[in-house]
Structure formats: C-alpha cells, structure tokens
Amino acid sequence: MDWLPWAPLGAASLHILEEFVFPGGFATWYKRYRSNTARITKRFLVLINAGLFVMCGEVGLLGHTPIGVAGWLGVSALLCSNGCWHAWATYKLRAYSPGVITGVTIYAPMAVYGYIRFLRSGSTSVPTALIACAIGASYQLWSAAYHNRRDSRP
C-alpha cells in the first residue's frame, strides 16, 4: 500500500495533537491572536477538525485515482496554507502558535513533495494541480473573511 494518499490524514492527526494535546493550548492562544473570539466554541473547533479528518480520509480511500490525486492536491494545499498561517501568526504575535511546528515541518514539505511526485509521474496535469492549489490555499482567505465578518457583528 502506498503511503502518500494517506499522508494528509497522518499529518492532520499530528497537527491536531500539537494544537490541542501536546503541547496544546490552541484555543487559548487563538484568543490572544484574535481578540473577539467569543463565537469560536469547542463545538466549532471539533466540527472543523472532524470535517478535515473526513476530507483526509476520503483522499486516502480514493488513492491514486484522478479524483483522489486532485483531492490530495487540494487538501495538501489547504494544509500547507494552514501551516503558513501558523508561521505568520507566530511571527505576528512573537509567540509560539500551537500547530506551527507540524505546519512548517510536515504540512509544507508534504505538499511540495506530493505536487512534484504527482506532476512528474503524470498522475495529474499542470492545470489540475494549479486549480487544486488555488482552491485548497483559498481556505485561509475565506476563513479569515468569515471570522472578520462574524467579529464585526454586534
């Protein structure tokens, strides 16, 4: 069995462990990063991360099929952009962001490796890879827009 289709699920598992278990503290840290987080509940965090696990699991199950590869590229772009956000947030606050270590050392290299491997092997086309990258990386943009809109409401 090839490990690459399942790599996003393993990476996301390690990332979520870093955020919430060891060393944990993401919710508390996030309240410092974004002052108006009253609407960020445990339920919200559980649902978002459960959705991520489902997406990663589906990518693993689809394997090296064309849809599986496109999904892998999109999910890995999402994960990589999340790792970049953690790095930016750590720099901005000058404080460790739970998730930055796995984001930078696992998410980003995994995405680069996978994109190169799938493109070189002919498993995907350049247009598909670019579209998947744009869709996956856009997560950070629409997430920020969502939080900004919610934070601006009374």
Foldseek 3Di string as FASTA:
>chain_A
DDCLLLQQLVLLVVLVCLCCPVVHDQVVVVCVLPVPVPVVDPVNVVVVSVVLNVLSVVLSVVPLALVSLLSSLLSLLLLLLVLVVQVVSCVVVVHHRRRNVSSVPPSNVSNVVSVVVCPVVVSDDPVSNVVSNVNNNCVVVVVVVVVVVVSVDD
